[in-house]
Every structure is written in C-alpha cells, then in structure tokens.
Amino acid sequence: MEKTNAFYKSLVGQEHGAKKIHVHVTELDPCGDGWASQHAHAAEEAIYILEGEAEFTFAGQTHRVGPGDAVFFPSGVMHAETKFFTDKMKYLVVRTIEPDDEPCCCGVNS
C-alpha cells in the first residue's frame, strides 16, 4: 500500500486570534485505507467533504460520504476514516478549541 500524504491548511485558529474554534482544510493524496486510527478527543469536530469519497466510522456505525456531505463527531466519540473510494480526499474541518486537548493535525491546540 502506498503511504498517504496528508496536507493541512489552517484557515482560522488561535494563530488568527480565535479562542473557541479552529477551521482547516485537510487534503489526502494518495489516500491509504485506514490512514487514521480510531481516536477520540475533547474537541467537537465537524467535517464537510469537498472532494472524494470515503467511509467514516464513529459511535459504532459506518457511513459512506462524498462531496457535499457533512459528518459530526461529538466530544469523546471514537472515530476514524476507515476506507477510501477515491485517490484523493479534501475536506473542511471545523473543531472546537478545548483546554488540555491534544493539538490537532495543524499542530495547534484546537
């Protein structure tokens, strides 16, 4: 399997003065199945699919999503991208900033 390259662009976050929210775009190219292991965090997270199709697993359920679909992960709920149906994925992530939460993929505590 080819290694997944993940690229992140922070749009709004603590570096812009935001205190409660972080917004970034994630691009995966190429996509590798199960590139993100099941995980949970204190932050609430919403993902809006811009390009590509994938399967997300969360709260014990699996959902196939594509452009125009949105997925919401409540705080503390295990979730992961588990399967990709396209070579590339691009999605917008909106995530709350929580005290003592792990840094998000962009490297900021959001």
PDB file of N, CA and C in Angstrom:
ATOM      1  N   MET A   1       0.838  -1.175   0.000  1.00  0.00           N
ATOM      2  CA  MET A   1       0.000   0.000   0.000  1.00  0.00           C
ATOM      3  C   MET A   1       0.886   1.243   0.000  1.00  0.00           C
ATOM      4  N   GLU A   2       0.500   2.229  -0.776  1.00  0.00           N
ATOM      5  CA  GLU A   2       1.233   3.480  -0.863  1.00  0.00           C
ATOM      6  C   GLU A   2       0.979   4.318   0.391  1.00  0.00           C
ATOM      7  N   LYS A   3       2.001   5.022   0.851  1.00  0.00           N
ATOM      8  CA  LYS A   3       1.872   5.862   2.039  1.00  0.00           C
ATOM      9  C   LYS A   3       0.988   7.062   1.722  1.00  0.00           C
ATOM     10  N   THR A   4       0.107   7.383   2.645  1.00  0.00           N
ATOM     11  CA  THR A   4      -0.757   8.546   2.491  1.00  0.00           C
ATOM     12  C   THR A   4       0.016   9.813   2.829  1.00  0.00           C
ATOM     13  N   ASN A   5      -0.097  10.798   1.969  1.00  0.00           N
ATOM     14  CA  ASN A   5       0.448  12.118   2.250  1.00  0.00           C
ATOM     15  C   ASN A   5      -0.707  13.007   2.681  1.00  0.00           C
ATOM     16  N   ALA A   6      -0.609  13.573   3.864  1.00  0.00           N
ATOM     17  CA  ALA A   6      -1.654  14.444   4.384  1.00  0.00           C
ATOM     18  C   ALA A   6      -1.128  15.877   4.423  1.00  0.00           C
ATOM     19  N   PHE A   7      -1.932  16.787   3.906  1.00  0.00           N
ATOM     20  CA  PHE A   7      -1.588  18.202   3.889  1.00  0.00           C
ATOM     21  C   PHE A   7      -2.691  18.964   4.608  1.00  0.00           C
ATOM     22  N   TYR A   8      -2.308  19.933   5.418  1.00  0.00           N
ATOM     23  CA  TYR A   8      -3.269  20.696   6.204  1.00  0.00           C
ATOM     24  C   TYR A   8      -3.037  22.186   5.992  1.00  0.00           C
ATOM     25  N   LYS A   9      -4.138  22.930   5.865  1.00  0.00           N
ATOM     26  CA  LYS A   9      -4.045  24.385   5.770  1.00  0.00           C
ATOM     27  C   LYS A   9      -4.975  24.981   6.816  1.00  0.00           C
ATOM     28  N   SER A  10      -4.382  25.635   7.799  1.00  0.00           N
ATOM     29  CA  SER A  10      -5.167  26.293   8.838  1.00  0.00           C
ATOM     30  C   SER A  10      -5.779  27.564   8.261  1.00  0.00           C
ATOM     31  N   LEU A  11      -7.100  27.719   8.416  1.00  0.00           N
ATOM     32  CA  LEU A  11      -7.802  28.894   7.908  1.00  0.00           C
ATOM     33  C   LEU A  11      -8.139  29.874   9.024  1.00  0.00           C
ATOM     34  N   VAL A  12      -8.599  29.347  10.154  1.00  0.00           N
ATOM     35  CA  VAL A  12      -8.946  30.151  11.326  1.00  0.00           C
ATOM     36  C   VAL A  12      -8.541  29.363  12.553  1.00  0.00           C
ATOM     37  N   GLY A  13      -7.845  29.997  13.460  1.00  0.00           N
ATOM     38  CA  GLY A  13      -7.436  29.308  14.679  1.00  0.00           C
ATOM     39  C   GLY A  13      -6.825  30.270  15.666  1.00  0.00           C
ATOM     40  N   GLN A  14      -6.178  29.725  16.673  1.00  0.00           N
ATOM     41  CA  GLN A  14      -5.567  30.560  17.698  1.00  0.00           C
ATOM     42  C   GLN A  14      -4.550  31.522  17.102  1.00  0.00           C
ATOM     43  N   GLU A  15      -3.866  31.084  16.043  1.00  0.00           N
ATOM     44  CA  GLU A  15      -2.883  31.961  15.403  1.00  0.00           C
ATOM     45  C   GLU A  15      -3.535  33.172  14.739  1.00  0.00           C
ATOM     46  N   HIS A  16      -4.877  33.125  14.558  1.00  0.00           N
ATOM     47  CA  HIS A  16      -5.627  34.239  13.981  1.00  0.00           C
ATOM     48  C   HIS A  16      -6.425  34.985  15.048  1.00  0.00           C
ATOM     49  N   GLY A  17      -6.271  34.585  16.312  1.00  0.00           N
ATOM     50  CA  GLY A  17      -6.987  35.234  17.404  1.00  0.00           C
ATOM     51  C   GLY A  17      -8.239  34.506  17.868  1.00  0.00           C
ATOM     52  N   ALA A  18      -8.585  33.382  17.230  1.00  0.00           N
ATOM     53  CA  ALA A  18      -9.772  32.624  17.647  1.00  0.00           C
ATOM     54  C   ALA A  18      -9.522  31.981  19.007  1.00  0.00           C
ATOM     55  N   LYS A  19     -10.521  32.002  19.854  1.00  0.00           N
ATOM     56  CA  LYS A  19     -10.388  31.420  21.186  1.00  0.00           C
ATOM     57  C   LYS A  19     -11.190  30.134  21.353  1.00  0.00           C
ATOM     58  N   LYS A  20     -12.187  29.902  20.524  1.00  0.00           N
ATOM     59  CA  LYS A  20     -13.085  28.761  20.711  1.00  0.00           C
ATOM     60  C   LYS A  20     -13.192  27.829  19.515  1.00  0.00           C
ATOM     61  N   ILE A  21     -12.609  28.214  18.359  1.00  0.00           N
ATOM     62  CA  ILE A  21     -12.827  27.414  17.154  1.00  0.00           C
ATOM     63  C   ILE A  21     -11.561  27.367  16.291  1.00  0.00           C
ATOM     64  N   HIS A  22     -11.410  26.256  15.592  1.00  0.00           N
ATOM     65  CA  HIS A  22     -10.322  26.105  14.631  1.00  0.00           C
ATOM     66  C   HIS A  22     -10.912  25.548  13.340  1.00  0.00           C
ATOM     67  N   VAL A  23     -10.533  26.136  12.210  1.00  0.00           N
ATOM     68  CA  VAL A  23     -11.014  25.699  10.897  1.00  0.00           C
ATOM     69  C   VAL A  23      -9.793  25.416  10.028  1.00  0.00           C
ATOM     70  N   HIS A  24      -9.776  24.234   9.406  1.00  0.00           N
ATOM     71  CA  HIS A  24      -8.682  23.925   8.484  1.00  0.00           C
ATOM     72  C   HIS A  24      -9.182  23.032   7.357  1.00  0.00           C
ATOM     73  N   VAL A  25      -8.384  22.962   6.295  1.00  0.00           N
ATOM     74  CA  VAL A  25      -8.655  22.064   5.175  1.00  0.00           C
ATOM     75  C   VAL A  25      -7.637  20.935   5.241  1.00  0.00           C
ATOM     76  N   THR A  26      -8.114  19.702   5.087  1.00  0.00           N
ATOM     77  CA  THR A  26      -7.254  18.524   5.021  1.00  0.00           C
ATOM     78  C   THR A  26      -7.302  17.986   3.601  1.00  0.00           C
ATOM     79  N   GLU A  27      -6.134  17.687   3.029  1.00  0.00           N
ATOM     80  CA  GLU A  27      -6.041  17.027   1.725  1.00  0.00           C
ATOM     81  C   GLU A  27      -5.218  15.761   1.881  1.00  0.00           C
ATOM     82  N   LEU A  28      -5.720  14.659   1.352  1.00  0.00           N
ATOM     83  CA  LEU A  28      -5.019  13.378   1.373  1.00  0.00           C
ATOM     84  C   LEU A  28      -4.737  12.962  -0.061  1.00  0.00           C
ATOM     85  N   ASP A  29      -3.473  12.673  -0.377  1.00  0.00           N
ATOM     86  CA  ASP A  29      -3.095  12.298  -1.737  1.00  0.00           C
ATOM     87  C   ASP A  29      -1.763  11.558  -1.695  1.00  0.00           C
ATOM     88  N   PRO A  30      -1.732  10.277  -1.990  1.00  0.00           N
ATOM     89  CA  PRO A  30      -2.881   9.409  -2.238  1.00  0.00           C
ATOM     90  C   PRO A  30      -3.519   8.987  -0.923  1.00  0.00           C
ATOM     91  N   CYS A  31      -4.733   8.519  -1.025  1.00  0.00           N
ATOM     92  CA  CYS A  31      -5.433   8.023   0.151  1.00  0.00           C
ATOM     93  C   CYS A  31      -5.020   6.578   0.406  1.00  0.00           C
ATOM     94  N   GLY A  32      -4.766   6.248   1.639  1.00  0.00           N
ATOM     95  CA  GLY A  32      -4.478   4.871   2.028  1.00  0.00           C
ATOM     96  C   GLY A  32      -5.550   4.415   2.995  1.00  0.00           C
ATOM     97  N   ASP A  33      -6.051   3.204   2.834  1.00  0.00           N
ATOM     98  CA  ASP A  33      -7.126   2.739   3.707  1.00  0.00           C
ATOM     99  C   ASP A  33      -6.710   2.790   5.164  1.00  0.00           C
ATOM    100  N   GLY A  34      -7.603   3.323   5.973  1.00  0.00           N
ATOM    101  CA  GLY A  34      -7.389   3.354   7.404  1.00  0.00           C
ATOM    102  C   GLY A  34      -6.201   4.187   7.836  1.00  0.00           C
ATOM    103  N   TRP A  35      -5.941   5.301   7.151  1.00  0.00           N
ATOM    104  CA  TRP A  35      -4.756   6.105   7.461  1.00  0.00           C
ATOM    105  C   TRP A  35      -4.816   6.699   8.861  1.00  0.00           C
ATOM    106  N   ALA A  36      -6.007   6.928   9.378  1.00  0.00           N
ATOM    107  CA  ALA A  36      -6.144   7.457  10.741  1.00  0.00           C
ATOM    108  C   ALA A  36      -6.769   6.385  11.618  1.00  0.00           C
ATOM    109  N   SER A  37      -6.086   6.038  12.684  1.00  0.00           N
ATOM    110  CA  SER A  37      -6.626   5.017  13.581  1.00  0.00           C
ATOM    111  C   SER A  37      -7.781   5.594  14.393  1.00  0.00           C
ATOM    112  N   GLN A  38      -8.608   4.709  14.929  1.00  0.00           N
ATOM    113  CA  GLN A  38      -9.711   5.138  15.784  1.00  0.00           C
ATOM    114  C   GLN A  38      -9.153   6.015  16.897  1.00  0.00           C
ATOM    115  N   HIS A  39      -9.778   7.151  17.102  1.00  0.00           N
ATOM    116  CA  HIS A  39      -9.335   8.065  18.144  1.00  0.00           C
ATOM    117  C   HIS A  39     -10.506   8.908  18.620  1.00  0.00           C
ATOM    118  N   ALA A  40     -10.343   9.525  19.761  1.00  0.00           N
ATOM    119  CA  ALA A  40     -11.332  10.450  20.310  1.00  0.00           C
ATOM    120  C   ALA A  40     -10.568  11.625  20.903  1.00  0.00           C
ATOM    121  N   HIS A  41     -11.237  12.752  21.019  1.00  0.00           N
ATOM    122  CA  HIS A  41     -10.618  13.917  21.640  1.00  0.00           C
ATOM    123  C   HIS A  41     -11.688  14.751  22.313  1.00  0.00           C
ATOM    124  N   ALA A  42     -11.264  15.692  23.127  1.00  0.00           N
ATOM    125  CA  ALA A  42     -12.204  16.539  23.862  1.00  0.00           C
ATOM    126  C   ALA A  42     -12.971  17.479  22.935  1.00  0.00           C
ATOM    127  N   ALA A  43     -12.364  17.838  21.823  1.00  0.00           N
ATOM    128  CA  ALA A  43     -12.993  18.774  20.892  1.00  0.00           C
ATOM    129  C   ALA A  43     -14.188  18.147  20.185  1.00  0.00           C
ATOM    130  N   GLU A  44     -15.190  18.973  19.881  1.00  0.00           N
ATOM    131  CA  GLU A  44     -16.231  18.584  18.938  1.00  0.00           C
ATOM    132  C   GLU A  44     -15.671  18.890  17.555  1.00  0.00           C
ATOM    133  N   GLU A  45     -16.048  18.065  16.566  1.00  0.00           N
ATOM    134  CA  GLU A  45     -15.456  18.204  15.237  1.00  0.00           C
ATOM    135  C   GLU A  45     -16.512  17.962  14.168  1.00  0.00           C
ATOM    136  N   ALA A  46     -16.570  18.869  13.195  1.00  0.00           N
ATOM    137  CA  ALA A  46     -17.454  18.701  12.043  1.00  0.00           C
ATOM    138  C   ALA A  46     -16.586  18.688  10.794  1.00  0.00           C
ATOM    139  N   ILE A  47     -16.906  17.771   9.879  1.00  0.00           N
ATOM    140  CA  ILE A  47     -16.154  17.635   8.638  1.00  0.00           C
ATOM    141  C   ILE A  47     -17.119  17.786   7.472  1.00  0.00           C
ATOM    142  N   TYR A  48     -16.760  18.644   6.504  1.00  0.00           N
ATOM    143  CA  TYR A  48     -17.550  18.848   5.296  1.00  0.00           C
ATOM    144  C   TYR A  48     -16.706  18.384   4.115  1.00  0.00           C
ATOM    145  N   ILE A  49     -17.206  17.394   3.376  1.00  0.00           N
ATOM    146  CA  ILE A  49     -16.447  16.792   2.275  1.00  0.00           C
ATOM    147  C   ILE A  49     -16.493  17.704   1.044  1.00  0.00           C
ATOM    148  N   LEU A  50     -15.315  18.074   0.557  1.00  0.00           N
ATOM    149  CA  LEU A  50     -15.193  18.910  -0.641  1.00  0.00           C
ATOM    150  C   LEU A  50     -14.930  18.073  -1.886  1.00  0.00           C
ATOM    151  N   GLU A  51     -14.044  17.068  -1.766  1.00  0.00           N
ATOM    152  CA  GLU A  51     -13.693  16.189  -2.890  1.00  0.00           C
ATOM    153  C   GLU A  51     -13.451  14.784  -2.370  1.00  0.00           C
ATOM    154  N   GLY A  52     -13.789  13.792  -3.197  1.00  0.00           N
ATOM    155  CA  GLY A  52     -13.506  12.396  -2.875  1.00  0.00           C
ATOM    156  C   GLY A  52     -14.637  11.714  -2.116  1.00  0.00           C
ATOM    157  N   GLU A  53     -14.470  10.401  -1.936  1.00  0.00           N
ATOM    158  CA  GLU A  53     -15.448   9.600  -1.196  1.00  0.00           C
ATOM    159  C   GLU A  53     -14.718   8.694  -0.227  1.00  0.00           C
ATOM    160  N   ALA A  54     -15.297   8.553   0.960  1.00  0.00           N
ATOM    161  CA  ALA A  54     -14.667   7.727   1.993  1.00  0.00           C
ATOM    162  C   ALA A  54     -15.720   7.161   2.927  1.00  0.00           C
ATOM    163  N   GLU A  55     -15.271   6.227   3.739  1.00  0.00           N
ATOM    164  CA  GLU A  55     -16.079   5.661   4.810  1.00  0.00           C
ATOM    165  C   GLU A  55     -15.534   6.195   6.122  1.00  0.00           C
ATOM    166  N   PHE A  56     -16.409   6.738   6.949  1.00  0.00           N
ATOM    167  CA  PHE A  56     -16.047   7.167   8.292  1.00  0.00           C
ATOM    168  C   PHE A  56     -16.764   6.256   9.275  1.00  0.00           C
ATOM    169  N   THR A  57     -16.054   5.821  10.294  1.00  0.00           N
ATOM    170  CA  THR A  57     -16.656   5.014  11.348  1.00  0.00           C
ATOM    171  C   THR A  57     -16.642   5.839  12.624  1.00  0.00           C
ATOM    172  N   PHE A  58     -17.801   5.921  13.267  1.00  0.00           N
ATOM    173  CA  PHE A  58     -17.881   6.615  14.545  1.00  0.00           C
ATOM    174  C   PHE A  58     -19.098   6.129  15.313  1.00  0.00           C
ATOM    175  N   ALA A  59     -18.949   6.107  16.618  1.00  0.00           N
ATOM    176  CA  ALA A  59     -20.019   5.670  17.519  1.00  0.00           C
ATOM    177  C   ALA A  59     -20.559   4.303  17.112  1.00  0.00           C
ATOM    178  N   GLY A  60     -19.674   3.425  16.614  1.00  0.00           N
ATOM    179  CA  GLY A  60     -20.076   2.070  16.257  1.00  0.00           C
ATOM    180  C   GLY A  60     -20.794   1.940  14.930  1.00  0.00           C
ATOM    181  N   GLN A  61     -20.882   3.015  14.151  1.00  0.00           N
ATOM    182  CA  GLN A  61     -21.560   2.973  12.859  1.00  0.00           C
ATOM    183  C   GLN A  61     -20.600   3.416  11.757  1.00  0.00           C
ATOM    184  N   THR A  62     -20.839   2.913  10.543  1.00  0.00           N
ATOM    185  CA  THR A  62     -20.024   3.275   9.390  1.00  0.00           C
ATOM    186  C   THR A  62     -20.897   4.014   8.383  1.00  0.00           C
ATOM    187  N   HIS A  63     -20.367   5.131   7.861  1.00  0.00           N
ATOM    188  CA  HIS A  63     -21.105   5.961   6.910  1.00  0.00           C
ATOM    189  C   HIS A  63     -20.219   6.273   5.712  1.00  0.00           C
ATOM    190  N   ARG A  64     -20.767   6.108   4.505  1.00  0.00           N
ATOM    191  CA  ARG A  64     -20.048   6.496   3.284  1.00  0.00           C
ATOM    192  C   ARG A  64     -20.427   7.939   2.968  1.00  0.00           C
ATOM    193  N   VAL A  65     -19.409   8.763   2.713  1.00  0.00           N
ATOM    194  CA  VAL A  65     -19.646  10.178   2.463  1.00  0.00           C
ATOM    195  C   VAL A  65     -18.929  10.621   1.194  1.00  0.00           C
ATOM    196  N   GLY A  66     -19.448  11.686   0.598  1.00  0.00           N
ATOM    197  CA  GLY A  66     -18.861  12.267  -0.600  1.00  0.00           C
ATOM    198  C   GLY A  66     -19.085  13.766  -0.611  1.00  0.00           C
ATOM    199  N   PRO A  67     -18.731  14.433  -1.709  1.00  0.00           N
ATOM    200  CA  PRO A  67     -18.851  15.886  -1.788  1.00  0.00           C
ATOM    201  C   PRO A  67     -20.238  16.381  -1.377  1.00  0.00           C
ATOM    202  N   GLY A  68     -20.245  17.384  -0.503  1.00  0.00           N
ATOM    203  CA  GLY A  68     -21.493  17.955  -0.020  1.00  0.00           C
ATOM    204  C   GLY A  68     -22.008  17.326   1.258  1.00  0.00           C
ATOM    205  N   ASP A  69     -21.417  16.208   1.679  1.00  0.00           N
ATOM    206  CA  ASP A  69     -21.835  15.560   2.924  1.00  0.00           C
ATOM    207  C   ASP A  69     -21.078  16.149   4.105  1.00  0.00           C
ATOM    208  N   ALA A  70     -21.721  16.121   5.264  1.00  0.00           N
ATOM    209  CA  ALA A  70     -21.090  16.579   6.500  1.00  0.00           C
ATOM    210  C   ALA A  70     -21.189  15.480   7.547  1.00  0.00           C
ATOM    211  N   VAL A  71     -20.183  15.416   8.403  1.00  0.00           N
ATOM    212  CA  VAL A  71     -20.124  14.437   9.483  1.00  0.00           C
ATOM    213  C   VAL A  71     -19.796  15.200  10.759  1.00  0.00           C
ATOM    214  N   PHE A  72     -20.453  14.846  11.864  1.00  0.00           N
ATOM    215  CA  PHE A  72     -20.194  15.491  13.152  1.00  0.00           C
ATOM    216  C   PHE A  72     -19.734  14.456  14.161  1.00  0.00           C
ATOM    217  N   PHE A  73     -18.635  14.747  14.853  1.00  0.00           N
ATOM    218  CA  PHE A  73     -18.110  13.878  15.900  1.00  0.00           C
ATOM    219  C   PHE A  73     -18.221  14.609  17.235  1.00  0.00           C
ATOM    220  N   PRO A  74     -19.125  14.165  18.112  1.00  0.00           N
ATOM    221  CA  PRO A  74     -19.215  14.786  19.439  1.00  0.00           C
ATOM    222  C   PRO A  74     -17.940  14.549  20.246  1.00  0.00           C
ATOM    223  N   SER A  75     -17.747  15.328  21.241  1.00  0.00           N
ATOM    224  CA  SER A  75     -16.613  15.180  22.151  1.00  0.00           C
ATOM    225  C   SER A  75     -16.578  13.772  22.730  1.00  0.00           C
ATOM    226  N   GLY A  76     -15.391  13.161  22.717  1.00  0.00           N
ATOM    227  CA  GLY A  76     -15.205  11.853  23.337  1.00  0.00           C
ATOM    228  C   GLY A  76     -15.639  10.656  22.521  1.00  0.00           C
ATOM    229  N   VAL A  77     -16.182  10.851  21.319  1.00  0.00           N
ATOM    230  CA  VAL A  77     -16.657   9.734  20.493  1.00  0.00           C
ATOM    231  C   VAL A  77     -15.516   9.218  19.609  1.00  0.00           C
ATOM    232  N   MET A  78     -15.265   7.897  19.663  1.00  0.00           N
ATOM    233  CA  MET A  78     -14.234   7.277  18.820  1.00  0.00           C
ATOM    234  C   MET A  78     -14.636   7.416  17.352  1.00  0.00           C
ATOM    235  N   HIS A  79     -13.656   7.766  16.489  1.00  0.00           N
ATOM    236  CA  HIS A  79     -13.936   7.927  15.066  1.00  0.00           C
ATOM    237  C   HIS A  79     -12.660   7.770  14.247  1.00  0.00           C
ATOM    238  N   ALA A  80     -12.849   7.482  12.946  1.00  0.00           N
ATOM    239  CA  ALA A  80     -11.718   7.341  12.022  1.00  0.00           C
ATOM    240  C   ALA A  80     -12.223   7.281  10.593  1.00  0.00           C
ATOM    241  N   GLU A  81     -11.336   7.662   9.656  1.00  0.00           N
ATOM    242  CA  GLU A  81     -11.569   7.391   8.247  1.00  0.00           C
ATOM    243  C   GLU A  81     -11.092   5.958   8.052  1.00  0.00           C
ATOM    244  N   THR A  82     -11.977   5.070   7.609  1.00  0.00           N
ATOM    245  CA  THR A  82     -11.614   3.654   7.565  1.00  0.00           C
ATOM    246  C   THR A  82     -11.428   3.096   6.165  1.00  0.00           C
ATOM    247  N   LYS A  83     -11.989   3.761   5.152  1.00  0.00           N
ATOM    248  CA  LYS A  83     -11.842   3.269   3.783  1.00  0.00           C
ATOM    249  C   LYS A  83     -12.034   4.431   2.819  1.00  0.00           C
ATOM    250  N   PHE A  84     -11.215   4.435   1.752  1.00  0.00           N
ATOM    251  CA  PHE A  84     -11.334   5.470   0.734  1.00  0.00           C
ATOM    252  C   PHE A  84     -11.749   4.840  -0.587  1.00  0.00           C
ATOM    253  N   PHE A  85     -12.604   5.547  -1.333  1.00  0.00           N
ATOM    254  CA  PHE A  85     -13.090   5.064  -2.624  1.00  0.00           C
ATOM    255  C   PHE A  85     -12.514   5.877  -3.776  1.00  0.00           C
ATOM    256  N   THR A  86     -11.723   6.893  -3.464  1.00  0.00           N
ATOM    257  CA  THR A  86     -11.081   7.731  -4.474  1.00  0.00           C
ATOM    258  C   THR A  86      -9.609   7.904  -4.097  1.00  0.00           C
ATOM    259  N   ASP A  87      -8.806   8.321  -5.061  1.00  0.00           N
ATOM    260  CA  ASP A  87      -7.374   8.503  -4.811  1.00  0.00           C
ATOM    261  C   ASP A  87      -7.070   9.734  -3.963  1.00  0.00           C
ATOM    262  N   LYS A  88      -7.945  10.723  -4.023  1.00  0.00           N
ATOM    263  CA  LYS A  88      -7.728  11.969  -3.281  1.00  0.00           C
ATOM    264  C   LYS A  88      -8.951  12.292  -2.436  1.00  0.00           C
ATOM    265  N   MET A  89      -8.702  12.943  -1.311  1.00  0.00           N
ATOM    266  CA  MET A  89      -9.770  13.449  -0.448  1.00  0.00           C
ATOM    267  C   MET A  89      -9.424  14.879  -0.074  1.00  0.00           C
ATOM    268  N   LYS A  90     -10.460  15.696   0.036  1.00  0.00           N
ATOM    269  CA  LYS A  90     -10.283  17.063   0.519  1.00  0.00           C
ATOM    270  C   LYS A  90     -11.513  17.398   1.339  1.00  0.00           C
ATOM    271  N   TYR A  91     -11.284  17.847   2.579  1.00  0.00           N
ATOM    272  CA  TYR A  91     -12.429  18.210   3.406  1.00  0.00           C
ATOM    273  C   TYR A  91     -12.100  19.359   4.345  1.00  0.00           C
ATOM    274  N   LEU A  92     -13.145  20.102   4.682  1.00  0.00           N
ATOM    275  CA  LEU A  92     -13.066  21.219   5.604  1.00  0.00           C
ATOM    276  C   LEU A  92     -13.365  20.696   6.999  1.00  0.00           C
ATOM    277  N   VAL A  93     -12.543  21.069   7.966  1.00  0.00           N
ATOM    278  CA  VAL A  93     -12.731  20.630   9.347  1.00  0.00           C
ATOM    279  C   VAL A  93     -12.976  21.859  10.221  1.00  0.00           C
ATOM    280  N   VAL A  94     -14.048  21.805  11.006  1.00  0.00           N
ATOM    281  CA  VAL A  94     -14.348  22.830  12.000  1.00  0.00           C
ATOM    282  C   VAL A  94     -14.314  22.129  13.348  1.00  0.00           C
ATOM    283  N   ARG A  95     -13.486  22.639  14.250  1.00  0.00           N
ATOM    284  CA  ARG A  95     -13.242  21.941  15.509  1.00  0.00           C
ATOM    285  C   ARG A  95     -13.192  22.946  16.657  1.00  0.00           C
ATOM    286  N   THR A  96     -13.799  22.587  17.777  1.00  0.00           N
ATOM    287  CA  THR A  96     -13.727  23.464  18.939  1.00  0.00           C
ATOM    288  C   THR A  96     -12.335  23.412  19.550  1.00  0.00           C
ATOM    289  N   ILE A  97     -11.967  24.482  20.207  1.00  0.00           N
ATOM    290  CA  ILE A  97     -10.708  24.535  20.946  1.00  0.00           C
ATOM    291  C   ILE A  97     -11.039  24.235  22.405  1.00  0.00           C
ATOM    292  N   GLU A  98     -10.449  23.184  22.934  1.00  0.00           N
ATOM    293  CA  GLU A  98     -10.715  22.752  24.306  1.00  0.00           C
ATOM    294  C   GLU A  98      -9.437  22.812  25.134  1.00  0.00           C
ATOM    295  N   PRO A  99      -9.533  23.315  26.372  1.00  0.00           N
ATOM    296  CA  PRO A  99      -8.345  23.327  27.237  1.00  0.00           C
ATOM    297  C   PRO A  99      -7.806  21.909  27.428  1.00  0.00           C
ATOM    298  N   ASP A 100      -6.514  21.773  27.415  1.00  0.00           N
ATOM    299  CA  ASP A 100      -5.841  20.494  27.672  1.00  0.00           C
ATOM    300  C   ASP A 100      -6.122  19.422  26.626  1.00  0.00           C
ATOM    301  N   ASP A 101      -6.688  19.788  25.472  1.00  0.00           N
ATOM    302  CA  ASP A 101      -6.889  18.815  24.394  1.00  0.00           C
ATOM    303  C   ASP A 101      -5.573  18.663  23.638  1.00  0.00           C
ATOM    304  N   GLU A 102      -5.425  17.536  22.929  1.00  0.00           N
ATOM    305  CA  GLU A 102      -4.219  17.348  22.127  1.00  0.00           C
ATOM    306  C   GLU A 102      -4.245  18.310  20.944  1.00  0.00           C
ATOM    307  N   PRO A 103      -3.068  18.698  20.434  1.00  0.00           N
ATOM    308  CA  PRO A 103      -3.050  19.556  19.248  1.00  0.00           C
ATOM    309  C   PRO A 103      -3.706  18.831  18.069  1.00  0.00           C
ATOM    310  N   CYS A 104      -4.398  19.585  17.237  1.00  0.00           N
ATOM    311  CA  CYS A 104      -4.962  18.960  16.043  1.00  0.00           C
ATOM    312  C   CYS A 104      -3.851  18.797  15.015  1.00  0.00           C
ATOM    313  N   CYS A 105      -4.206  18.270  13.872  1.00  0.00           N
ATOM    314  CA  CYS A 105      -3.225  17.944  12.837  1.00  0.00           C
ATOM    315  C   CYS A 105      -2.391  19.138  12.398  1.00  0.00           C
ATOM    316  N   CYS A 106      -2.927  20.340  12.522  1.00  0.00           N
ATOM    317  CA  CYS A 106      -2.181  21.532  12.106  1.00  0.00           C
ATOM    318  C   CYS A 106      -1.121  21.923  13.124  1.00  0.00           C
ATOM    319  N   GLY A 107      -1.087  21.208  14.254  1.00  0.00           N
ATOM    320  CA  GLY A 107      -0.066  21.467  15.252  1.00  0.00           C
ATOM    321  C   GLY A 107      -0.420  22.541  16.262  1.00  0.00           C
ATOM    322  N   VAL A 108      -1.674  22.962  16.250  1.00  0.00           N
ATOM    323  CA  VAL A 108      -2.104  23.938  17.248  1.00  0.00           C
ATOM    324  C   VAL A 108      -3.095  23.275  18.178  1.00  0.00           C
ATOM    325  N   ASN A 109      -3.186  23.757  19.394  1.00  0.00           N
ATOM    326  CA  ASN A 109      -4.099  23.152  20.354  1.00  0.00           C
ATOM    327  C   ASN A 109      -5.515  23.598  20.055  1.00  0.00           C
ATOM    328  N   SER A 110      -6.158  22.840  19.203  1.00  0.00           N
ATOM    329  CA  SER A 110      -7.517  23.204  18.808  1.00  0.00           C
ATOM    330  C   SER A 110      -8.338  21.968  18.711  1.00  0.00           C
TER     331      SER A 110
END
